[in-house]
Amino acid sequence: MKKRDPQTLLSDIRHHAELGIRIAATATRDQFLADEPMQLALTRVIEVIGEAAGRLDQDTKNRLSDVPWHEIIAMRHILAHAYDILDLDRLWETAMDDLPKLVEVTAAEITRLDEVNT
């Protein structure tokens, strides 16, 4: 597997967080809980976020120490390997509360990296 640079991984995280926000914005919590295709879509974007987070180098994670990297990666493992204990309410809360913050932090770091690299 080709190693990806932190800026690309952060871009992947931001992109998928934005997708998750857009998915969640189309429904209420009750609609989400009743919509299996929406649940699967949100599960997938959060899995990708967790996978990309797991590939980030430790220096980047340390620089963005306010981001709960361990929890993001742990959620990805639950979604991928422990699907039978998935908490849909927690998935919804992640989309509504955590993804917007993740977009903000990753966008700022991408901008910073752009400035450093030019």
Protein backbone atom coordinates (compact mmCIF):
# COMPACT_ATOMS: atom_id res chain seq x y z
CA MET A 1 0.00 0.00 0.00
CA LYS A 2 1.37 3.40 -0.98
CA LYS A 3 1.95 5.76 1.94
CA ARG A 4 -0.05 8.97 1.61
CA ASP A 5 1.13 12.32 2.85
CA PRO A 6 -0.60 14.01 5.80
CA GLN A 7 -2.16 16.74 3.65
CA THR A 8 -3.84 14.17 1.40
CA LEU A 9 -5.08 12.17 4.38
CA LEU A 10 -6.43 15.32 6.03
CA SER A 11 -8.16 16.21 2.76
CA ASP A 12 -9.75 12.75 2.69
CA ILE A 13 -10.90 13.16 6.29
CA ARG A 14 -12.34 16.60 5.61
CA HIS A 15 -14.08 15.46 2.41
CA HIS A 16 -15.72 12.47 4.09
CA ALA A 17 -16.69 14.53 7.14
CA GLU A 18 -18.40 16.99 4.80
CA LEU A 19 -20.19 14.07 3.11
CA GLY A 20 -21.35 12.79 6.49
CA ILE A 21 -22.67 16.22 7.40
CA ARG A 22 -24.56 16.43 4.09
CA ILE A 23 -26.04 12.97 4.60
CA ALA A 24 -27.22 13.79 8.12
CA ALA A 25 -28.63 17.16 7.03
CA THR A 26 -31.20 15.41 4.85
CA ALA A 27 -33.04 13.85 7.79
CA THR A 28 -34.11 14.14 11.37
CA ARG A 29 -32.71 11.72 13.93
CA ASP A 30 -35.90 9.62 13.80
CA GLN A 31 -35.78 9.51 9.99
CA PHE A 32 -32.14 8.45 10.16
CA LEU A 33 -32.93 5.67 12.63
CA ALA A 34 -35.59 4.34 10.24
CA ASP A 35 -33.48 4.63 7.05
CA GLU A 36 -31.06 1.72 6.63
CA PRO A 37 -29.46 3.03 3.39
CA MET A 38 -28.71 6.32 5.15
CA GLN A 39 -27.26 4.44 8.11
CA LEU A 40 -25.01 2.47 5.76
CA ALA A 41 -23.87 5.61 3.95
CA LEU A 42 -23.00 7.38 7.18
CA THR A 43 -21.28 4.26 8.48
CA ARG A 44 -19.10 4.13 5.38
CA VAL A 45 -17.98 7.77 5.52
CA ILE A 46 -17.08 7.40 9.20
CA GLU A 47 -15.17 4.20 8.42
CA VAL A 48 -13.13 6.07 5.79
CA ILE A 49 -12.45 8.90 8.25
CA GLY A 50 -11.20 6.38 10.80
CA GLU A 51 -9.03 4.58 8.27
CA ALA A 52 -7.42 7.83 7.11
CA ALA A 53 -6.93 8.90 10.73
CA GLY A 54 -5.15 5.64 11.43
CA ARG A 55 -2.73 6.34 8.60
CA LEU A 56 -1.82 9.84 9.81
CA ASP A 57 1.68 10.22 11.19
CA GLN A 58 2.08 10.83 14.91
CA ASP A 59 3.49 14.35 14.38
CA THR A 60 0.27 15.45 12.69
CA LYS A 61 -1.86 13.84 15.39
CA ASN A 62 0.23 15.55 18.06
CA ARG A 63 -0.09 18.93 16.32
CA LEU A 64 -3.88 18.46 16.23
CA SER A 65 -4.08 17.17 19.78
CA ASP A 66 -7.62 18.48 20.33
CA VAL A 67 -8.91 15.90 17.85
CA PRO A 68 -9.82 12.60 19.56
CA TRP A 69 -7.81 10.46 17.13
CA HIS A 70 -7.94 7.36 19.31
CA GLU A 71 -11.74 7.50 19.49
CA ILE A 72 -12.06 8.13 15.74
CA ILE A 73 -9.92 5.10 14.96
CA ALA A 74 -11.73 3.01 17.59
CA MET A 75 -15.10 3.89 16.05
CA ARG A 76 -13.82 2.75 12.66
CA HIS A 77 -12.83 -0.60 14.19
CA ILE A 78 -16.27 -0.98 15.74
CA LEU A 79 -18.00 -0.16 12.44
CA ALA A 80 -15.79 -2.55 10.48
CA HIS A 81 -15.45 -5.42 12.91
CA ALA A 82 -18.15 -5.18 15.57
CA TYR A 83 -21.13 -4.17 13.46
CA ASP A 84 -23.45 -6.07 15.76
CA ILE A 85 -22.85 -3.62 18.63
CA LEU A 86 -23.22 -0.48 16.53
CA ASP A 87 -25.06 2.28 18.37
CA LEU A 88 -27.04 4.24 15.77
CA ASP A 89 -27.65 7.07 18.21
CA ARG A 90 -23.87 7.44 18.66
CA LEU A 91 -23.41 7.39 14.89
CA TRP A 92 -25.99 10.19 14.55
CA GLU A 93 -24.37 12.21 17.33
CA THR A 94 -21.01 11.84 15.60
CA ALA A 95 -22.45 13.25 12.39
CA MET A 96 -24.21 16.12 14.08
CA ASP A 97 -21.67 17.10 16.76
CA ASP A 98 -18.23 15.78 15.85
CA LEU A 99 -17.99 15.96 12.07
CA PRO A 100 -18.44 19.76 11.86
CA LYS A 101 -15.59 20.23 14.34
CA LEU A 102 -13.44 17.80 12.37
CA VAL A 103 -14.06 19.73 9.15
CA GLU A 104 -13.01 22.95 10.86
CA VAL A 105 -9.79 21.53 12.31
CA THR A 106 -8.72 19.67 9.18
CA ALA A 107 -9.47 22.65 6.93
CA ALA A 108 -7.30 24.89 9.11
CA GLU A 109 -4.43 22.40 9.09
CA ILE A 110 -4.67 21.93 5.32
CA THR A 111 -4.46 25.71 4.90
CA ARG A 112 -1.45 25.80 7.21
CA LEU A 113 0.27 23.03 5.26
CA ASP A 114 -0.48 24.84 1.97
CA GLU A 115 1.23 27.94 3.32
CA VAL A 116 4.25 25.97 4.59
CA ASN A 117 4.62 24.14 1.27
CA THR A 118 4.49 27.23 -0.96
